[in-house]
Amino acid sequence: MDEAHQHYQKLKQELQEALVDRETLEKQWDQIQQEIFDKESAYLTGNSSSQYGTIVKGFDAFGKHIHDSAHAFSDKDRIFSLSSARFVKQQEGDDKGGDGQA
């Protein structure tokens, strides 16, 4: 009986450690996904070369000096962020005022 109890305690400790590790990994994963989202946003909105087009929307404006909002991006252009179902659910949860947990 004592040996069974020790085995139980060992397994319980391993489970607790695994749960802590899982939580740490999930936080890191969330940070990586947010970083991808932020970098994707910067690419789609911003640098000086994006006025001529992006790899997502094409370069139809290349060689033209068009500075209108026709080249603005939508969430549909987010090919990297939208590839993660978990991140999409978190974003939808944030938009609805939820806690964003998936």
PDB file of N, CA and C in Angstrom:
ATOM      1  N   MET A   1       0.825  -1.188   0.000  1.00  0.00           N
ATOM      2  CA  MET A   1       0.000   0.000   0.000  1.00  0.00           C
ATOM      3  C   MET A   1       0.867   1.247   0.000  1.00  0.00           C
ATOM      4  N   ASP A   2       1.920   1.249   0.773  1.00  0.00           N
ATOM      5  CA  ASP A   2       2.809   2.397   0.847  1.00  0.00           C
ATOM      6  C   ASP A   2       3.469   2.653  -0.510  1.00  0.00           C
ATOM      7  N   GLU A   3       3.839   1.586  -1.196  1.00  0.00           N
ATOM      8  CA  GLU A   3       4.461   1.719  -2.518  1.00  0.00           C
ATOM      9  C   GLU A   3       3.466   2.304  -3.525  1.00  0.00           C
ATOM     10  N   ALA A   4       2.217   1.901  -3.445  1.00  0.00           N
ATOM     11  CA  ALA A   4       1.186   2.428  -4.337  1.00  0.00           C
ATOM     12  C   ALA A   4       0.964   3.922  -4.065  1.00  0.00           C
ATOM     13  N   HIS A   5       0.979   4.301  -2.801  1.00  0.00           N
ATOM     14  CA  HIS A   5       0.801   5.700  -2.438  1.00  0.00           C
ATOM     15  C   HIS A   5       1.966   6.548  -2.954  1.00  0.00           C
ATOM     16  N   GLN A   6       3.187   6.043  -2.853  1.00  0.00           N
ATOM     17  CA  GLN A   6       4.362   6.759  -3.349  1.00  0.00           C
ATOM     18  C   GLN A   6       4.275   6.929  -4.875  1.00  0.00           C
ATOM     19  N   HIS A   7       3.834   5.872  -5.535  1.00  0.00           N
ATOM     20  CA  HIS A   7       3.680   5.932  -6.994  1.00  0.00           C
ATOM     21  C   HIS A   7       2.619   6.976  -7.356  1.00  0.00           C
ATOM     22  N   TYR A   8       1.534   6.998  -6.631  1.00  0.00           N
ATOM     23  CA  TYR A   8       0.474   7.985  -6.847  1.00  0.00           C
ATOM     24  C   TYR A   8       1.013   9.405  -6.654  1.00  0.00           C
ATOM     25  N   GLN A   9       1.758   9.623  -5.584  1.00  0.00           N
ATOM     26  CA  GLN A   9       2.308  10.946  -5.302  1.00  0.00           C
ATOM     27  C   GLN A   9       3.287  11.378  -6.398  1.00  0.00           C
ATOM     28  N   LYS A  10       4.086  10.430  -6.877  1.00  0.00           N
ATOM     29  CA  LYS A  10       5.034  10.724  -7.953  1.00  0.00           C
ATOM     30  C   LYS A  10       4.273  11.135  -9.215  1.00  0.00           C
ATOM     31  N   LEU A  11       3.248  10.390  -9.567  1.00  0.00           N
ATOM     32  CA  LEU A  11       2.448  10.713 -10.748  1.00  0.00           C
ATOM     33  C   LEU A  11       1.729  12.055 -10.588  1.00  0.00           C
ATOM     34  N   LYS A  12       1.255  12.318  -9.408  1.00  0.00           N
ATOM     35  CA  LYS A  12       0.580  13.585  -9.128  1.00  0.00           C
ATOM     36  C   LYS A  12       1.545  14.758  -9.311  1.00  0.00           C
ATOM     37  N   GLN A  13       2.760  14.600  -8.806  1.00  0.00           N
ATOM     38  CA  GLN A  13       3.780  15.642  -8.952  1.00  0.00           C
ATOM     39  C   GLN A  13       4.136  15.841 -10.431  1.00  0.00           C
ATOM     40  N   GLU A  14       4.290  14.760 -11.182  1.00  0.00           N
ATOM     41  CA  GLU A  14       4.600  14.846 -12.604  1.00  0.00           C
ATOM     42  C   GLU A  14       3.481  15.561 -13.368  1.00  0.00           C
ATOM     43  N   LEU A  15       2.243  15.273 -12.993  1.00  0.00           N
ATOM     44  CA  LEU A  15       1.106  15.930 -13.630  1.00  0.00           C
ATOM     45  C   LEU A  15       1.118  17.427 -13.342  1.00  0.00           C
ATOM     46  N   GLN A  16       1.366  17.793 -12.100  1.00  0.00           N
ATOM     47  CA  GLN A  16       1.415  19.206 -11.741  1.00  0.00           C
ATOM     48  C   GLN A  16       2.522  19.923 -12.512  1.00  0.00           C
ATOM     49  N   GLU A  17       3.679  19.296 -12.638  1.00  0.00           N
ATOM     50  CA  GLU A  17       4.782  19.889 -13.390  1.00  0.00           C
ATOM     51  C   GLU A  17       4.423  20.018 -14.872  1.00  0.00           C
ATOM     52  N   ALA A  18       3.767  18.994 -15.408  1.00  0.00           N
ATOM     53  CA  ALA A  18       3.370  19.023 -16.816  1.00  0.00           C
ATOM     54  C   ALA A  18       2.352  20.131 -17.065  1.00  0.00           C
ATOM     55  N   LEU A  19       1.443  20.344 -16.128  1.00  0.00           N
ATOM     56  CA  LEU A  19       0.448  21.415 -16.281  1.00  0.00           C
ATOM     57  C   LEU A  19       1.104  22.795 -16.243  1.00  0.00           C
ATOM     58  N   VAL A  20       2.098  22.960 -15.393  1.00  0.00           N
ATOM     59  CA  VAL A  20       2.833  24.225 -15.337  1.00  0.00           C
ATOM     60  C   VAL A  20       3.588  24.430 -16.649  1.00  0.00           C
ATOM     61  N   ASP A  21       4.240  23.372 -17.132  1.00  0.00           N
ATOM     62  CA  ASP A  21       4.956  23.462 -18.409  1.00  0.00           C
ATOM     63  C   ASP A  21       3.996  23.803 -19.546  1.00  0.00           C
ATOM     64  N   ARG A  22       2.819  23.197 -19.545  1.00  0.00           N
ATOM     65  CA  ARG A  22       1.830  23.460 -20.585  1.00  0.00           C
ATOM     66  C   ARG A  22       1.408  24.926 -20.563  1.00  0.00           C
ATOM     67  N   GLU A  23       1.154  25.446 -19.384  1.00  0.00           N
ATOM     68  CA  GLU A  23       0.747  26.842 -19.262  1.00  0.00           C
ATOM     69  C   GLU A  23       1.848  27.771 -19.772  1.00  0.00           C
ATOM     70  N   THR A  24       3.091  27.459 -19.446  1.00  0.00           N
ATOM     71  CA  THR A  24       4.226  28.257 -19.922  1.00  0.00           C
ATOM     72  C   THR A  24       4.307  28.218 -21.442  1.00  0.00           C
ATOM     73  N   LEU A  25       4.162  27.032 -22.020  1.00  0.00           N
ATOM     74  CA  LEU A  25       4.218  26.891 -23.471  1.00  0.00           C
ATOM     75  C   LEU A  25       3.055  27.609 -24.155  1.00  0.00           C
ATOM     76  N   GLU A  26       1.883  27.547 -23.556  1.00  0.00           N
ATOM     77  CA  GLU A  26       0.731  28.248 -24.134  1.00  0.00           C
ATOM     78  C   GLU A  26       0.943  29.763 -24.118  1.00  0.00           C
ATOM     79  N   LYS A  27       1.532  30.280 -23.052  1.00  0.00           N
ATOM     80  CA  LYS A  27       1.828  31.712 -22.987  1.00  0.00           C
ATOM     81  C   LYS A  27       2.843  32.095 -24.062  1.00  0.00           C
ATOM     82  N   GLN A  28       3.871  31.263 -24.229  1.00  0.00           N
ATOM     83  CA  GLN A  28       4.870  31.530 -25.264  1.00  0.00           C
ATOM     84  C   GLN A  28       4.225  31.478 -26.650  1.00  0.00           C
ATOM     85  N   TRP A  29       3.357  30.496 -26.864  1.00  0.00           N
ATOM     86  CA  TRP A  29       2.666  30.359 -28.145  1.00  0.00           C
ATOM     87  C   TRP A  29       1.810  31.593 -28.433  1.00  0.00           C
ATOM     88  N   ASP A  30       1.101  32.063 -27.418  1.00  0.00           N
ATOM     89  CA  ASP A  30       0.279  33.266 -27.578  1.00  0.00           C
ATOM     90  C   ASP A  30       1.141  34.475 -27.925  1.00  0.00           C
ATOM     91  N   GLN A  31       2.302  34.589 -27.283  1.00  0.00           N
ATOM     92  CA  GLN A  31       3.198  35.707 -27.570  1.00  0.00           C
ATOM     93  C   GLN A  31       3.728  35.639 -29.003  1.00  0.00           C
ATOM     94  N   ILE A  32       4.059  34.448 -29.456  1.00  0.00           N
ATOM     95  CA  ILE A  32       4.545  34.270 -30.828  1.00  0.00           C
ATOM     96  C   ILE A  32       3.447  34.634 -31.826  1.00  0.00           C
ATOM     97  N   GLN A  33       2.239  34.177 -31.561  1.00  0.00           N
ATOM     98  CA  GLN A  33       1.137  34.493 -32.466  1.00  0.00           C
ATOM     99  C   GLN A  33       0.852  35.991 -32.495  1.00  0.00           C
ATOM    100  N   GLN A  34       0.936  36.655 -31.358  1.00  0.00           N
ATOM    101  CA  GLN A  34       0.727  38.097 -31.321  1.00  0.00           C
ATOM    102  C   GLN A  34       1.837  38.811 -32.083  1.00  0.00           C
ATOM    103  N   GLU A  35       3.043  38.322 -31.951  1.00  0.00           N
ATOM    104  CA  GLU A  35       4.162  38.917 -32.679  1.00  0.00           C
ATOM    105  C   GLU A  35       3.965  38.766 -34.198  1.00  0.00           C
ATOM    106  N   ILE A  36       3.510  37.608 -34.624  1.00  0.00           N
ATOM    107  CA  ILE A  36       3.214  37.391 -36.047  1.00  0.00           C
ATOM    108  C   ILE A  36       2.135  38.366 -36.502  1.00  0.00           C
ATOM    109  N   PHE A  37       1.079  38.499 -35.709  1.00  0.00           N
ATOM    110  CA  PHE A  37      -0.015  39.419 -36.029  1.00  0.00           C
ATOM    111  C   PHE A  37       0.509  40.846 -36.162  1.00  0.00           C
ATOM    112  N   ASP A  38       1.337  41.269 -35.217  1.00  0.00           N
ATOM    113  CA  ASP A  38       1.866  42.629 -35.229  1.00  0.00           C
ATOM    114  C   ASP A  38       2.768  42.873 -36.433  1.00  0.00           C
ATOM    115  N   LYS A  39       3.632  41.912 -36.731  1.00  0.00           N
ATOM    116  CA  LYS A  39       4.526  42.073 -37.880  1.00  0.00           C
ATOM    117  C   LYS A  39       3.749  42.041 -39.190  1.00  0.00           C
ATOM    118  N   GLU A  40       2.729  41.205 -39.240  1.00  0.00           N
ATOM    119  CA  GLU A  40       1.877  41.140 -40.418  1.00  0.00           C
ATOM    120  C   GLU A  40       1.146  42.476 -40.608  1.00  0.00           C
ATOM    121  N   SER A  41       0.658  43.048 -39.520  1.00  0.00           N
ATOM    122  CA  SER A  41      -0.009  44.356 -39.580  1.00  0.00           C
ATOM    123  C   SER A  41       0.948  45.422 -40.082  1.00  0.00           C
ATOM    124  N   ALA A  42       2.160  45.414 -39.565  1.00  0.00           N
ATOM    125  CA  ALA A  42       3.148  46.400 -39.990  1.00  0.00           C
ATOM    126  C   ALA A  42       3.446  46.253 -41.476  1.00  0.00           C
ATOM    127  N   TYR A  43       3.559  45.033 -41.942  1.00  0.00           N
ATOM    128  CA  TYR A  43       3.838  44.804 -43.360  1.00  0.00           C
ATOM    129  C   TYR A  43       2.675  45.265 -44.232  1.00  0.00           C
ATOM    130  N   LEU A  44       1.472  44.927 -43.826  1.00  0.00           N
ATOM    131  CA  LEU A  44       0.306  45.246 -44.654  1.00  0.00           C
ATOM    132  C   LEU A  44      -0.055  46.733 -44.629  1.00  0.00           C
ATOM    133  N   THR A  45       0.260  47.420 -43.559  1.00  0.00           N
ATOM    134  CA  THR A  45      -0.120  48.829 -43.462  1.00  0.00           C
ATOM    135  C   THR A  45       0.978  49.777 -43.835  1.00  0.00           C
ATOM    136  N   GLY A  46       2.171  49.306 -43.746  1.00  0.00           N
ATOM    137  CA  GLY A  46       3.085  50.297 -43.579  1.00  0.00           C
ATOM    138  C   GLY A  46       4.280  50.678 -44.283  1.00  0.00           C
ATOM    139  N   ASN A  47       5.214  49.895 -44.525  1.00  0.00           N
ATOM    140  CA  ASN A  47       6.480  50.443 -44.994  1.00  0.00           C
ATOM    141  C   ASN A  47       6.301  51.145 -46.331  1.00  0.00           C
ATOM    142  N   SER A  48       7.258  51.917 -46.713  1.00  0.00           N
ATOM    143  CA  SER A  48       7.130  52.754 -47.913  1.00  0.00           C
ATOM    144  C   SER A  48       6.915  51.932 -49.177  1.00  0.00           C
ATOM    145  N   SER A  49       7.401  50.713 -49.220  1.00  0.00           N
ATOM    146  CA  SER A  49       7.222  49.914 -50.431  1.00  0.00           C
ATOM    147  C   SER A  49       5.812  49.342 -50.541  1.00  0.00           C
ATOM    148  N   SER A  50       5.052  49.331 -49.431  1.00  0.00           N
ATOM    149  CA  SER A  50       3.715  48.745 -49.491  1.00  0.00           C
ATOM    150  C   SER A  50       2.738  49.592 -50.296  1.00  0.00           C
ATOM    151  N   GLN A  51       3.076  50.847 -50.543  1.00  0.00           N
ATOM    152  CA  GLN A  51       2.195  51.674 -51.359  1.00  0.00           C
ATOM    153  C   GLN A  51       2.156  51.169 -52.796  1.00  0.00           C
ATOM    154  N   TYR A  52       3.137  50.387 -53.195  1.00  0.00           N
ATOM    155  CA  TYR A  52       3.174  49.840 -54.543  1.00  0.00           C
ATOM    156  C   TYR A  52       2.581  48.438 -54.607  1.00  0.00           C
ATOM    157  N   GLY A  53       2.308  47.857 -53.460  1.00  0.00           N
ATOM    158  CA  GLY A  53       1.713  46.534 -53.397  1.00  0.00           C
ATOM    159  C   GLY A  53       2.382  45.678 -52.342  1.00  0.00           C
ATOM    160  N   THR A  54       1.808  44.522 -52.134  1.00  0.00           N
ATOM    161  CA  THR A  54       2.369  43.549 -51.200  1.00  0.00           C
ATOM    162  C   THR A  54       2.327  42.179 -51.852  1.00  0.00           C
ATOM    163  N   ILE A  55       3.014  41.263 -51.278  1.00  0.00           N
ATOM    164  CA  ILE A  55       3.020  39.904 -51.790  1.00  0.00           C
ATOM    165  C   ILE A  55       1.623  39.295 -51.707  1.00  0.00           C
ATOM    166  N   VAL A  56       0.802  39.790 -50.802  1.00  0.00           N
ATOM    167  CA  VAL A  56      -0.557  39.283 -50.618  1.00  0.00           C
ATOM    168  C   VAL A  56      -1.505  39.837 -51.681  1.00  0.00           C
ATOM    169  N   LYS A  57      -1.457  41.129 -51.918  1.00  0.00           N
ATOM    170  CA  LYS A  57      -2.400  41.784 -52.836  1.00  0.00           C
ATOM    171  C   LYS A  57      -1.860  41.945 -54.248  1.00  0.00           C
ATOM    172  N   GLY A  58      -0.581  41.746 -54.421  1.00  0.00           N
ATOM    173  CA  GLY A  58      -0.002  41.933 -55.739  1.00  0.00           C
ATOM    174  C   GLY A  58       0.636  43.300 -55.860  1.00  0.00           C
ATOM    175  N   PHE A  59       1.240  43.535 -57.007  1.00  0.00           N
ATOM    176  CA  PHE A  59       1.975  44.773 -57.229  1.00  0.00           C
ATOM    177  C   PHE A  59       1.418  45.530 -58.423  1.00  0.00           C
ATOM    178  N   ASP A  60       0.103  45.601 -58.527  1.00  0.00           N
ATOM    179  CA  ASP A  60      -0.539  46.307 -59.640  1.00  0.00           C
ATOM    180  C   ASP A  60      -0.177  47.782 -59.668  1.00  0.00           C
ATOM    181  N   ALA A  61       0.097  48.364 -58.513  1.00  0.00           N
ATOM    182  CA  ALA A  61       0.404  49.790 -58.450  1.00  0.00           C
ATOM    183  C   ALA A  61       1.882  50.073 -58.677  1.00  0.00           C
ATOM    184  N   PHE A  62       2.673  49.035 -58.878  1.00  0.00           N
ATOM    185  CA  PHE A  62       4.102  49.251 -59.083  1.00  0.00           C
ATOM    186  C   PHE A  62       4.324  50.069 -60.351  1.00  0.00           C
ATOM    187  N   GLY A  63       5.103  51.088 -60.245  1.00  0.00           N
ATOM    188  CA  GLY A  63       5.358  51.956 -61.385  1.00  0.00           C
ATOM    189  C   GLY A  63       4.370  53.089 -61.494  1.00  0.00           C
ATOM    190  N   LYS A  64       3.338  53.061 -60.695  1.00  0.00           N
ATOM    191  CA  LYS A  64       2.352  54.134 -60.661  1.00  0.00           C
ATOM    192  C   LYS A  64       2.535  54.886 -59.356  1.00  0.00           C
ATOM    193  N   HIS A  65       2.166  56.101 -59.347  1.00  0.00           N
ATOM    194  CA  HIS A  65       2.296  56.890 -58.120  1.00  0.00           C
ATOM    195  C   HIS A  65       0.912  57.115 -57.531  1.00  0.00           C
ATOM    196  N   ILE A  66       0.347  56.026 -57.021  1.00  0.00           N
ATOM    197  CA  ILE A  66      -0.989  56.065 -56.438  1.00  0.00           C
ATOM    198  C   ILE A  66      -0.833  56.024 -54.923  1.00  0.00           C
ATOM    199  N   HIS A  67      -1.453  56.960 -54.260  1.00  0.00           N
ATOM    200  CA  HIS A  67      -1.356  57.018 -52.802  1.00  0.00           C
ATOM    201  C   HIS A  67      -2.744  57.059 -52.179  1.00  0.00           C
ATOM    202  N   ASP A  68      -3.653  56.296 -52.700  1.00  0.00           N
ATOM    203  CA  ASP A  68      -5.009  56.304 -52.149  1.00  0.00           C
ATOM    204  C   ASP A  68      -5.208  55.119 -51.214  1.00  0.00           C
ATOM    205  N   SER A  69      -6.389  55.051 -50.658  1.00  0.00           N
ATOM    206  CA  SER A  69      -6.677  53.973 -49.716  1.00  0.00           C
ATOM    207  C   SER A  69      -7.186  52.719 -50.410  1.00  0.00           C
ATOM    208  N   ALA A  70      -7.149  52.666 -51.719  1.00  0.00           N
ATOM    209  CA  ALA A  70      -7.609  51.477 -52.435  1.00  0.00           C
ATOM    210  C   ALA A  70      -6.732  50.280 -52.127  1.00  0.00           C
ATOM    211  N   HIS A  71      -5.545  50.554 -51.634  1.00  0.00           N
ATOM    212  CA  HIS A  71      -4.619  49.473 -51.333  1.00  0.00           C
ATOM    213  C   HIS A  71      -4.640  49.112 -49.846  1.00  0.00           C
ATOM    214  N   ALA A  72      -5.647  49.604 -49.132  1.00  0.00           N
ATOM    215  CA  ALA A  72      -5.789  49.258 -47.721  1.00  0.00           C
ATOM    216  C   ALA A  72      -6.063  47.761 -47.610  1.00  0.00           C
ATOM    217  N   PHE A  73      -5.717  47.211 -46.493  1.00  0.00           N
ATOM    218  CA  PHE A  73      -5.897  45.770 -46.330  1.00  0.00           C
ATOM    219  C   PHE A  73      -7.084  45.473 -45.425  1.00  0.00           C
ATOM    220  N   SER A  74      -7.569  44.253 -45.549  1.00  0.00           N
ATOM    221  CA  SER A  74      -8.638  43.787 -44.668  1.00  0.00           C
ATOM    222  C   SER A  74      -8.126  42.559 -43.921  1.00  0.00           C
ATOM    223  N   ASP A  75      -8.923  42.083 -42.992  1.00  0.00           N
ATOM    224  CA  ASP A  75      -8.518  40.897 -42.244  1.00  0.00           C
ATOM    225  C   ASP A  75      -8.360  39.677 -43.146  1.00  0.00           C
ATOM    226  N   LYS A  76      -9.015  39.673 -44.285  1.00  0.00           N
ATOM    227  CA  LYS A  76      -8.881  38.560 -45.222  1.00  0.00           C
ATOM    228  C   LYS A  76      -7.460  38.457 -45.778  1.00  0.00           C
ATOM    229  N   ASP A  77      -6.722  39.549 -45.715  1.00  0.00           N
ATOM    230  CA  ASP A  77      -5.350  39.566 -46.210  1.00  0.00           C
ATOM    231  C   ASP A  77      -4.356  38.969 -45.216  1.00  0.00           C
ATOM    232  N   ARG A  78      -4.803  38.677 -44.038  1.00  0.00           N
ATOM    233  CA  ARG A  78      -3.924  38.150 -42.995  1.00  0.00           C
ATOM    234  C   ARG A  78      -3.731  36.645 -43.181  1.00  0.00           C
ATOM    235  N   ILE A  79      -2.843  36.273 -44.088  1.00  0.00           N
ATOM    236  CA  ILE A  79      -2.665  34.848 -44.393  1.00  0.00           C
ATOM    237  C   ILE A  79      -1.936  34.105 -43.278  1.00  0.00           C
ATOM    238  N   PHE A  80      -1.123  34.777 -42.517  1.00  0.00           N
ATOM    239  CA  PHE A  80      -0.385  34.101 -41.450  1.00  0.00           C
ATOM    240  C   PHE A  80      -1.210  34.020 -40.177  1.00  0.00           C
ATOM    241  N   SER A  81      -1.768  35.138 -39.742  1.00  0.00           N
ATOM    242  CA  SER A  81      -2.553  35.148 -38.509  1.00  0.00           C
ATOM    243  C   SER A  81      -3.771  34.243 -38.620  1.00  0.00           C
ATOM    244  N   LEU A  82      -4.418  34.263 -39.775  1.00  0.00           N
ATOM    245  CA  LEU A  82      -5.637  33.472 -39.943  1.00  0.00           C
ATOM    246  C   LEU A  82      -5.367  31.980 -40.101  1.00  0.00           C
ATOM    247  N   SER A  83      -4.103  31.598 -40.217  1.00  0.00           N
ATOM    248  CA  SER A  83      -3.796  30.178 -40.350  1.00  0.00           C
ATOM    249  C   SER A  83      -3.860  29.447 -39.010  1.00  0.00           C
ATOM    250  N   SER A  84      -3.994  30.188 -37.924  1.00  0.00           N
ATOM    251  CA  SER A  84      -4.098  29.597 -36.598  1.00  0.00           C
ATOM    252  C   SER A  84      -5.529  29.719 -36.086  1.00  0.00           C
ATOM    253  N   ALA A  85      -6.232  28.601 -36.040  1.00  0.00           N
ATOM    254  CA  ALA A  85      -7.619  28.609 -35.575  1.00  0.00           C
ATOM    255  C   ALA A  85      -7.708  29.110 -34.134  1.00  0.00           C
ATOM    256  N   ARG A  86      -6.751  28.753 -33.325  1.00  0.00           N
ATOM    257  CA  ARG A  86      -6.757  29.173 -31.924  1.00  0.00           C
ATOM    258  C   ARG A  86      -6.619  30.689 -31.807  1.00  0.00           C
ATOM    259  N   PHE A  87      -5.728  31.263 -32.615  1.00  0.00           N
ATOM    260  CA  PHE A  87      -5.537  32.705 -32.572  1.00  0.00           C
ATOM    261  C   PHE A  87      -6.790  33.426 -33.057  1.00  0.00           C
ATOM    262  N   VAL A  88      -7.428  32.894 -34.081  1.00  0.00           N
ATOM    263  CA  VAL A  88      -8.666  33.498 -34.594  1.00  0.00           C
ATOM    264  C   VAL A  88      -9.734  33.492 -33.505  1.00  0.00           C
ATOM    265  N   LYS A  89      -9.857  32.380 -32.796  1.00  0.00           N
ATOM    266  CA  LYS A  89     -10.839  32.306 -31.710  1.00  0.00           C
ATOM    267  C   LYS A  89     -10.513  33.313 -30.613  1.00  0.00           C
ATOM    268  N   GLN A  90      -9.234  33.484 -30.308  1.00  0.00           N
ATOM    269  CA  GLN A  90      -8.844  34.457 -29.291  1.00  0.00           C
ATOM    270  C   GLN A  90      -9.210  35.865 -29.736  1.00  0.00           C
ATOM    271  N   GLN A  91      -8.951  36.179 -30.995  1.00  0.00           N
ATOM    272  CA  GLN A  91      -9.261  37.504 -31.503  1.00  0.00           C
ATOM    273  C   GLN A  91     -10.767  37.752 -31.487  1.00  0.00           C
ATOM    274  N   GLU A  92     -11.543  36.745 -31.867  1.00  0.00           N
ATOM    275  CA  GLU A  92     -13.001  36.885 -31.831  1.00  0.00           C
ATOM    276  C   GLU A  92     -13.471  37.073 -30.402  1.00  0.00           C
ATOM    277  N   GLY A  93     -12.864  36.373 -29.470  1.00  0.00           N
ATOM    278  CA  GLY A  93     -13.215  36.522 -28.057  1.00  0.00           C
ATOM    279  C   GLY A  93     -12.884  37.909 -27.556  1.00  0.00           C
ATOM    280  N   ASP A  94     -11.750  38.465 -27.993  1.00  0.00           N
ATOM    281  CA  ASP A  94     -11.366  39.814 -27.593  1.00  0.00           C
ATOM    282  C   ASP A  94     -12.337  40.832 -28.167  1.00  0.00           C
ATOM    283  N   ASP A  95     -12.775  40.621 -29.414  1.00  0.00           N
ATOM    284  CA  ASP A  95     -13.709  41.545 -30.053  1.00  0.00           C
ATOM    285  C   ASP A  95     -15.070  41.549 -29.369  1.00  0.00           C
ATOM    286  N   LYS A  96     -15.449  40.413 -28.795  1.00  0.00           N
ATOM    287  CA  LYS A  96     -16.753  40.292 -28.145  1.00  0.00           C
ATOM    288  C   LYS A  96     -16.677  40.658 -26.667  1.00  0.00           C
ATOM    289  N   GLY A  97     -15.487  41.048 -26.226  1.00  0.00           N
ATOM    290  CA  GLY A  97     -15.339  41.421 -24.821  1.00  0.00           C
ATOM    291  C   GLY A  97     -15.124  40.228 -23.928  1.00  0.00           C
ATOM    292  N   GLY A  98     -14.826  39.082 -24.531  1.00  0.00           N
ATOM    293  CA  GLY A  98     -14.576  37.878 -23.743  1.00  0.00           C
ATOM    294  C   GLY A  98     -13.175  37.871 -23.215  1.00  0.00           C
ATOM    295  N   ASP A  99     -12.815  36.746 -22.619  1.00  0.00           N
ATOM    296  CA  ASP A  99     -11.486  36.661 -22.048  1.00  0.00           C
ATOM    297  C   ASP A  99     -10.450  36.200 -23.056  1.00  0.00           C
ATOM    298  N   GLY A 100     -10.888  35.789 -24.276  1.00  0.00           N
ATOM    299  CA  GLY A 100      -9.964  35.416 -25.321  1.00  0.00           C
ATOM    300  C   GLY A 100      -9.348  34.055 -25.154  1.00  0.00           C
ATOM    301  N   GLN A 101      -9.800  33.289 -24.187  1.00  0.00           N
ATOM    302  CA  GLN A 101      -9.247  31.966 -23.974  1.00  0.00           C
ATOM    303  C   GLN A 101      -9.868  30.974 -24.930  1.00  0.00           C
ATOM    304  N   ALA A 102      -9.038  30.121 -25.515  1.00  0.00           N
ATOM    305  CA  ALA A 102      -9.530  29.116 -26.448  1.00  0.00           C
ATOM    306  C   ALA A 102      -9.618  27.778 -25.777  1.00  0.00           C
TER     307      ALA A 102
END
